[in-house]
């Protein structure tokens, strides 16, 4: 009896299709995340200066950043909104996170209290107690 002359090679092959899909999904995720992170600071606002910026390092589980421009327009997340939309956003965030929401107001130094008061009243009305103002440190 003659032994078989062909030797069988046992090679291992990997299916990398799912790996490529995951890499593309990660790339898309980081592109979208970086766009959202940059869109909050797109509006040029001349922030007021403060002598001692204390407590600005704390991160809140849910932070709403409202930008009040010098021309009295309001922006949230890179898009212009009206006061009823801001109130609805604060209400839905307060109901969703149960007092874990923080409202950060970025107001131009030329903005008056008349533009900021409705935001503060909406926060008080819906039980949001964490309200902060974005400021720049005063240079010595």
N, C-alpha and C. Protein backbone atom coordinates (compact mmCIF):
# COMPACT_ATOMS: atom_id res chain seq x y z
N UNK A 1 0.82 -1.15 0.00
CA UNK A 1 0.00 0.00 0.00
C UNK A 1 0.88 1.23 0.00
N UNK A 2 0.54 2.17 -0.86
CA UNK A 2 1.33 3.38 -1.02
C UNK A 2 0.74 4.50 -0.15
N UNK A 3 1.58 5.16 0.64
CA UNK A 3 1.07 6.27 1.47
C UNK A 3 0.72 7.47 0.57
N UNK A 4 -0.21 8.28 1.01
CA UNK A 4 -0.58 9.45 0.19
C UNK A 4 0.62 10.38 0.02
N UNK A 5 0.75 10.88 -1.19
CA UNK A 5 1.90 11.73 -1.50
C UNK A 5 1.64 13.21 -1.21
N UNK A 6 0.41 13.63 -1.15
CA UNK A 6 0.12 15.04 -0.86
C UNK A 6 0.13 15.26 0.65
N UNK A 7 0.86 16.22 1.03
CA UNK A 7 0.85 16.56 2.45
C UNK A 7 -0.16 17.69 2.66
N UNK A 8 -0.86 17.56 3.68
CA UNK A 8 -1.87 18.55 3.98
C UNK A 8 -1.24 19.69 4.79
N UNK A 9 -1.43 20.90 4.32
CA UNK A 9 -0.90 22.03 5.11
C UNK A 9 -2.05 22.61 5.92
N UNK A 10 -1.78 22.79 7.15
CA UNK A 10 -2.80 23.35 8.03
C UNK A 10 -2.45 24.81 8.28
N UNK A 11 -3.10 25.67 7.58
CA UNK A 11 -2.85 27.09 7.77
C UNK A 11 -4.05 27.72 8.47
N UNK A 12 -3.75 28.72 9.21
CA UNK A 12 -4.79 29.42 9.95
C UNK A 12 -5.10 30.70 9.19
N UNK A 13 -6.36 30.95 8.97
CA UNK A 13 -6.74 32.19 8.31
C UNK A 13 -7.73 32.94 9.21
N UNK A 14 -7.61 34.25 9.21
CA UNK A 14 -8.45 35.09 10.05
C UNK A 14 -9.41 35.85 9.17
N UNK A 15 -10.61 35.96 9.63
CA UNK A 15 -11.60 36.78 8.95
C UNK A 15 -11.58 38.15 9.61
N UNK A 16 -11.08 39.15 8.91
CA UNK A 16 -10.91 40.48 9.49
C UNK A 16 -12.02 41.45 9.09
N UNK A 17 -13.08 40.93 8.50
CA UNK A 17 -14.17 41.81 8.06
C UNK A 17 -14.80 42.53 9.24
N UNK A 18 -15.09 41.82 10.30
CA UNK A 18 -15.71 42.48 11.45
C UNK A 18 -14.75 43.45 12.14
N UNK A 19 -13.47 43.15 12.11
CA UNK A 19 -12.48 44.06 12.68
C UNK A 19 -12.44 45.37 11.91
N UNK A 20 -12.51 45.29 10.61
CA UNK A 20 -12.52 46.50 9.78
C UNK A 20 -13.78 47.30 10.05
N UNK A 21 -14.93 46.64 10.20
CA UNK A 21 -16.17 47.34 10.51
C UNK A 21 -16.06 48.09 11.84
N UNK A 22 -15.49 47.47 12.83
CA UNK A 22 -15.35 48.11 14.14
C UNK A 22 -14.41 49.30 14.06
N UNK A 23 -13.34 49.18 13.33
CA UNK A 23 -12.40 50.30 13.18
C UNK A 23 -13.07 51.48 12.50
N UNK A 24 -13.85 51.22 11.45
CA UNK A 24 -14.57 52.31 10.78
C UNK A 24 -15.61 52.94 11.69
N UNK A 25 -16.29 52.15 12.49
CA UNK A 25 -17.26 52.71 13.43
C UNK A 25 -16.57 53.58 14.49
N UNK A 26 -15.41 53.16 14.96
CA UNK A 26 -14.67 53.98 15.92
C UNK A 26 -14.20 55.29 15.30
N UNK A 27 -13.77 55.23 14.07
CA UNK A 27 -13.35 56.47 13.39
C UNK A 27 -14.52 57.42 13.26
N UNK A 28 -15.67 56.92 12.86
CA UNK A 28 -16.86 57.77 12.73
C UNK A 28 -17.26 58.33 14.09
N UNK A 29 -17.21 57.51 15.14
CA UNK A 29 -17.56 57.98 16.48
C UNK A 29 -16.66 59.13 16.92
N UNK A 30 -15.35 58.99 16.73
CA UNK A 30 -14.43 60.03 17.17
C UNK A 30 -14.56 61.29 16.32
N UNK A 31 -14.87 61.16 15.05
CA UNK A 31 -15.10 62.34 14.22
C UNK A 31 -16.33 63.10 14.70
N UNK A 32 -17.41 62.40 14.97
CA UNK A 32 -18.63 63.05 15.44
C UNK A 32 -18.43 63.65 16.82
N UNK A 33 -17.76 62.93 17.71
CA UNK A 33 -17.53 63.44 19.07
C UNK A 33 -16.65 64.69 19.05
N UNK A 34 -15.64 64.70 18.21
CA UNK A 34 -14.80 65.90 18.15
C UNK A 34 -15.54 67.08 17.54
N UNK A 35 -16.44 66.81 16.60
CA UNK A 35 -17.24 67.90 16.02
C UNK A 35 -18.17 68.51 17.06
N UNK A 36 -18.80 67.67 17.86
CA UNK A 36 -19.71 68.16 18.90
C UNK A 36 -18.92 68.94 19.96
N UNK A 37 -17.76 68.45 20.33
CA UNK A 37 -16.96 69.13 21.34
C UNK A 37 -16.49 70.50 20.85
N UNK A 38 -16.17 70.59 19.56
CA UNK A 38 -15.72 71.88 19.03
C UNK A 38 -16.87 72.83 18.79
N UNK A 39 -18.07 72.34 18.55
CA UNK A 39 -19.18 73.21 18.18
C UNK A 39 -19.66 74.05 19.36
N UNK A 40 -19.41 73.63 20.60
CA UNK A 40 -19.83 74.43 21.75
C UNK A 40 -19.02 75.71 21.87
N UNK A 41 -17.78 75.68 21.48
CA UNK A 41 -16.92 76.85 21.65
C UNK A 41 -16.73 77.61 20.34
N UNK A 42 -17.57 77.37 19.35
CA UNK A 42 -17.40 78.01 18.05
C UNK A 42 -17.78 79.49 18.12
N UNK A 43 -18.85 79.79 18.85
CA UNK A 43 -19.31 81.16 18.92
C UNK A 43 -18.30 82.00 19.71
N UNK A 44 -17.74 83.02 19.08
CA UNK A 44 -16.77 83.84 19.82
C UNK A 44 -17.48 84.73 20.85
N UNK A 45 -17.16 84.49 22.09
CA UNK A 45 -17.78 85.24 23.18
C UNK A 45 -16.66 85.86 23.99
N UNK A 46 -16.80 87.14 24.27
CA UNK A 46 -15.84 87.83 25.11
C UNK A 46 -16.27 87.64 26.56
N UNK A 47 -15.72 86.61 27.22
CA UNK A 47 -16.14 86.27 28.58
C UNK A 47 -15.61 87.28 29.59
N UNK A 48 -16.36 87.49 30.68
CA UNK A 48 -15.86 88.38 31.73
C UNK A 48 -14.70 87.73 32.46
N UNK A 49 -13.93 88.54 33.16
CA UNK A 49 -12.75 88.08 33.89
C UNK A 49 -13.08 87.95 35.37
N UNK A 50 -12.46 86.98 36.04
CA UNK A 50 -12.69 86.77 37.46
C UNK A 50 -11.33 86.64 38.15
N UNK A 51 -11.26 87.08 39.40
CA UNK A 51 -10.01 87.08 40.13
C UNK A 51 -9.63 85.67 40.58
N UNK A 52 -10.58 84.93 41.18
CA UNK A 52 -10.28 83.61 41.74
C UNK A 52 -11.24 82.58 41.17
N UNK A 53 -10.85 81.86 40.11
CA UNK A 53 -11.75 80.84 39.56
C UNK A 53 -11.72 79.58 40.41
N UNK A 54 -12.65 79.45 41.32
CA UNK A 54 -12.68 78.29 42.22
C UNK A 54 -13.81 77.36 41.82
N UNK A 55 -13.56 76.06 41.88
CA UNK A 55 -14.59 75.07 41.63
C UNK A 55 -14.95 74.86 40.18
N UNK A 56 -14.14 75.30 39.26
CA UNK A 56 -14.45 75.16 37.85
C UNK A 56 -14.05 73.80 37.30
N UNK A 57 -13.27 73.03 38.06
CA UNK A 57 -12.76 71.75 37.58
C UNK A 57 -13.76 70.61 37.73
N UNK A 58 -14.79 70.81 38.52
CA UNK A 58 -15.74 69.74 38.77
C UNK A 58 -16.54 69.44 37.51
N UNK A 59 -16.73 68.17 37.25
CA UNK A 59 -17.53 67.74 36.11
C UNK A 59 -18.90 67.30 36.61
N UNK A 60 -19.91 67.69 35.91
CA UNK A 60 -21.27 67.31 36.24
C UNK A 60 -21.69 66.18 35.31
N UNK A 61 -22.53 65.28 35.79
CA UNK A 61 -22.97 64.20 34.92
C UNK A 61 -23.68 64.70 33.66
N UNK A 62 -24.45 65.77 33.77
CA UNK A 62 -25.14 66.33 32.61
C UNK A 62 -25.00 67.85 32.66
N UNK A 63 -24.35 68.40 31.68
CA UNK A 63 -24.12 69.85 31.64
C UNK A 63 -24.72 70.42 30.37
N UNK A 64 -25.53 71.46 30.53
CA UNK A 64 -26.09 72.19 29.40
C UNK A 64 -25.34 73.50 29.33
N UNK A 65 -24.72 73.77 28.20
CA UNK A 65 -23.98 75.01 28.01
C UNK A 65 -24.82 75.94 27.13
N UNK A 66 -25.20 77.08 27.70
CA UNK A 66 -26.01 78.07 26.99
C UNK A 66 -25.13 79.29 26.75
N UNK A 67 -24.96 79.67 25.51
CA UNK A 67 -24.14 80.82 25.15
C UNK A 67 -25.05 82.00 24.82
N UNK A 68 -24.85 83.11 25.54
CA UNK A 68 -25.61 84.33 25.29
C UNK A 68 -24.67 85.32 24.62
N UNK A 69 -24.99 85.68 23.39
CA UNK A 69 -24.14 86.57 22.61
C UNK A 69 -24.45 88.03 22.95
N UNK A 70 -23.61 88.92 22.46
CA UNK A 70 -23.79 90.35 22.71
C UNK A 70 -25.05 90.88 22.02
N UNK A 71 -25.48 90.21 20.93
CA UNK A 71 -26.69 90.65 20.22
C UNK A 71 -27.97 90.01 20.76
N UNK A 72 -27.91 89.44 21.97
CA UNK A 72 -29.02 88.84 22.70
C UNK A 72 -29.46 87.48 22.16
N UNK A 73 -28.73 86.91 21.22
CA UNK A 73 -29.09 85.59 20.70
C UNK A 73 -28.53 84.51 21.63
N UNK A 74 -29.22 83.37 21.67
CA UNK A 74 -28.81 82.25 22.53
C UNK A 74 -28.44 81.06 21.65
N UNK A 75 -27.39 80.37 22.06
CA UNK A 75 -26.91 79.21 21.32
C UNK A 75 -26.74 78.04 22.29
N UNK A 76 -27.15 76.85 21.85
CA UNK A 76 -26.95 75.63 22.63
C UNK A 76 -26.46 74.56 21.65
N UNK A 77 -25.30 74.00 21.94
CA UNK A 77 -24.78 72.93 21.10
C UNK A 77 -24.49 73.34 19.67
N UNK A 78 -24.11 74.57 19.46
CA UNK A 78 -23.75 75.02 18.12
C UNK A 78 -24.92 75.47 17.26
N UNK A 79 -26.12 75.53 17.83
CA UNK A 79 -27.27 76.00 17.05
C UNK A 79 -28.01 77.07 17.83
N UNK A 80 -28.56 78.01 17.09
CA UNK A 80 -29.26 79.12 17.71
C UNK A 80 -30.64 78.66 18.17
N UNK A 81 -31.00 79.04 19.40
CA UNK A 81 -32.28 78.65 19.99
C UNK A 81 -32.97 79.88 20.56
N UNK A 82 -34.27 79.73 20.76
CA UNK A 82 -35.06 80.78 21.40
C UNK A 82 -35.29 80.39 22.86
N UNK A 83 -35.79 81.34 23.64
CA UNK A 83 -35.99 81.11 25.07
C UNK A 83 -36.93 79.94 25.36
N UNK A 84 -38.06 79.77 24.66
CA UNK A 84 -38.90 78.59 24.95
C UNK A 84 -38.17 77.26 24.70
N UNK A 85 -37.30 77.23 23.71
CA UNK A 85 -36.52 76.01 23.46
C UNK A 85 -35.53 75.76 24.60
N UNK A 86 -34.92 76.82 25.12
CA UNK A 86 -34.00 76.68 26.25
C UNK A 86 -34.74 76.17 27.47
N UNK A 87 -35.93 76.73 27.72
CA UNK A 87 -36.73 76.28 28.86
C UNK A 87 -37.11 74.81 28.72
N UNK A 88 -37.50 74.40 27.52
CA UNK A 88 -37.87 73.00 27.29
C UNK A 88 -36.66 72.08 27.47
N UNK A 89 -35.50 72.53 27.03
CA UNK A 89 -34.28 71.75 27.20
C UNK A 89 -33.93 71.57 28.68
N UNK A 90 -34.05 72.64 29.45
CA UNK A 90 -33.78 72.57 30.89
C UNK A 90 -34.79 71.67 31.58
N UNK A 91 -36.07 71.78 31.20
CA UNK A 91 -37.11 70.95 31.81
C UNK A 91 -36.88 69.48 31.52
N UNK A 92 -36.60 69.14 30.28
CA UNK A 92 -36.40 67.72 29.94
C UNK A 92 -35.14 67.16 30.59
N UNK A 93 -34.08 67.97 30.69
CA UNK A 93 -32.86 67.50 31.34
C UNK A 93 -33.08 67.33 32.85
N UNK A 94 -33.85 68.23 33.46
CA UNK A 94 -34.12 68.12 34.90
C UNK A 94 -34.98 66.90 35.20
N UNK A 95 -35.94 66.61 34.36
CA UNK A 95 -36.78 65.44 34.58
C UNK A 95 -36.01 64.15 34.33
N UNK A 96 -35.12 64.18 33.36
CA UNK A 96 -34.37 62.99 32.99
C UNK A 96 -33.32 62.61 34.03
N UNK A 97 -32.61 63.61 34.55
CA UNK A 97 -31.47 63.29 35.41
C UNK A 97 -31.73 63.51 36.90
N UNK A 98 -32.88 64.01 37.27
CA UNK A 98 -33.27 64.16 38.68
C UNK A 98 -32.22 64.90 39.51
N UNK A 99 -32.11 66.19 39.28
CA UNK A 99 -31.22 67.10 40.02
C UNK A 99 -29.74 66.83 39.81
N UNK A 100 -29.36 66.15 38.76
CA UNK A 100 -27.95 65.94 38.44
C UNK A 100 -27.54 66.78 37.24
N UNK A 101 -28.32 67.75 36.87
CA UNK A 101 -28.03 68.57 35.70
C UNK A 101 -27.39 69.89 36.15
N UNK A 102 -26.45 70.35 35.36
CA UNK A 102 -25.82 71.65 35.61
C UNK A 102 -26.00 72.51 34.37
N UNK A 103 -26.36 73.74 34.58
CA UNK A 103 -26.50 74.70 33.49
C UNK A 103 -25.31 75.64 33.55
N UNK A 104 -24.54 75.69 32.48
CA UNK A 104 -23.38 76.58 32.39
C UNK A 104 -23.74 77.69 31.41
N UNK A 105 -23.65 78.93 31.85
CA UNK A 105 -23.99 80.08 31.01
C UNK A 105 -22.71 80.76 30.57
N UNK A 106 -22.52 80.82 29.25
CA UNK A 106 -21.40 81.56 28.66
C UNK A 106 -21.98 82.84 28.10
N UNK A 107 -21.84 83.92 28.83
CA UNK A 107 -22.42 85.18 28.41
C UNK A 107 -21.33 86.16 28.03
N UNK A 108 -21.54 86.85 26.94
CA UNK A 108 -20.62 87.91 26.53
C UNK A 108 -20.59 88.97 27.62
N UNK A 109 -19.45 89.61 27.79
CA UNK A 109 -19.36 90.60 28.87
C UNK A 109 -20.26 91.80 28.61
N UNK A 110 -20.70 91.98 27.36
CA UNK A 110 -21.62 93.07 27.03
C UNK A 110 -23.08 92.67 27.24
N UNK A 111 -23.35 91.40 27.50
CA UNK A 111 -24.72 90.94 27.74
C UNK A 111 -25.19 91.46 29.10
N UNK A 112 -26.44 91.87 29.14
CA UNK A 112 -26.98 92.41 30.38
C UNK A 112 -27.75 91.34 31.14
N UNK A 113 -28.17 91.69 32.33
CA UNK A 113 -28.91 90.76 33.17
C UNK A 113 -30.28 90.43 32.55
N UNK A 114 -30.81 91.31 31.72
CA UNK A 114 -32.10 91.07 31.08
C UNK A 114 -32.06 89.82 30.19
N UNK A 115 -30.91 89.53 29.60
CA UNK A 115 -30.79 88.35 28.74
C UNK A 115 -30.57 87.08 29.56
N UNK A 116 -29.96 87.23 30.73
CA UNK A 116 -29.60 86.06 31.54
C UNK A 116 -30.69 85.70 32.54
N UNK A 117 -31.47 86.68 32.97
CA UNK A 117 -32.51 86.44 33.97
C UNK A 117 -33.51 85.36 33.57
N UNK A 118 -34.03 85.31 32.33
CA UNK A 118 -34.99 84.24 32.00
C UNK A 118 -34.39 82.84 32.10
N UNK A 119 -33.11 82.70 31.84
CA UNK A 119 -32.46 81.39 31.97
C UNK A 119 -32.39 81.00 33.44
N UNK A 120 -32.03 81.95 34.30
CA UNK A 120 -31.97 81.68 35.74
C UNK A 120 -33.35 81.37 36.32
N UNK A 121 -34.37 82.08 35.84
CA UNK A 121 -35.73 81.81 36.31
C UNK A 121 -36.21 80.43 35.86
N UNK A 122 -35.85 80.03 34.65
CA UNK A 122 -36.23 78.70 34.17
C UNK A 122 -35.54 77.62 35.00
N UNK A 123 -34.28 77.85 35.35
CA UNK A 123 -33.57 76.89 36.19
C UNK A 123 -34.24 76.77 37.55
N UNK A 124 -34.60 77.91 38.15
CA UNK A 124 -35.26 77.89 39.46
C UNK A 124 -36.64 77.24 39.37
N UNK A 125 -37.35 77.49 38.30
CA UNK A 125 -38.69 76.93 38.13
C UNK A 125 -38.67 75.41 38.02
N UNK A 126 -37.65 74.87 37.36
CA UNK A 126 -37.60 73.43 37.13
C UNK A 126 -36.69 72.70 38.12
N UNK A 127 -36.22 73.39 39.15
CA UNK A 127 -35.48 72.75 40.23
C UNK A 127 -34.01 72.51 39.94
N UNK A 128 -33.44 73.22 38.99
CA UNK A 128 -32.01 73.08 38.70
C UNK A 128 -31.26 74.06 39.60
N UNK A 129 -30.45 73.53 40.51
CA UNK A 129 -29.73 74.38 41.45
C UNK A 129 -28.28 74.56 41.09
N UNK A 130 -27.77 73.77 40.19
CA UNK A 130 -26.37 73.91 39.76
C UNK A 130 -26.31 74.79 38.53
N UNK A 131 -26.08 76.06 38.75
CA UNK A 131 -25.96 77.04 37.67
C UNK A 131 -24.61 77.71 37.80
N UNK A 132 -23.86 77.75 36.72
CA UNK A 132 -22.54 78.37 36.75
C UNK A 132 -22.35 79.29 35.56
N UNK A 133 -21.37 80.16 35.70
CA UNK A 133 -21.04 81.10 34.63
C UNK A 133 -19.62 80.82 34.17
N UNK A 134 -19.42 80.76 32.88
CA UNK A 134 -18.08 80.59 32.33
C UNK A 134 -17.39 81.94 32.31
N UNK A 135 -16.21 82.00 32.92
CA UNK A 135 -15.43 83.24 32.99
C UNK A 135 -13.99 82.91 32.70
N UNK A 136 -13.21 83.94 32.43
CA UNK A 136 -11.77 83.80 32.23
C UNK A 136 -11.04 84.31 33.47
N UNK A 137 -9.91 83.72 33.81
CA UNK A 137 -9.15 84.25 34.96
C UNK A 137 -8.59 85.62 34.63
N UNK A 138 -8.63 86.49 35.61
CA UNK A 138 -8.11 87.85 35.43
C UNK A 138 -6.58 87.79 35.50
N UNK A 139 -5.93 88.30 34.49
CA UNK A 139 -4.46 88.29 34.48
C UNK A 139 -3.96 89.37 35.42
N UNK A 140 -2.93 89.01 36.17
CA UNK A 140 -2.41 89.92 37.19
C UNK A 140 -1.52 90.98 36.60
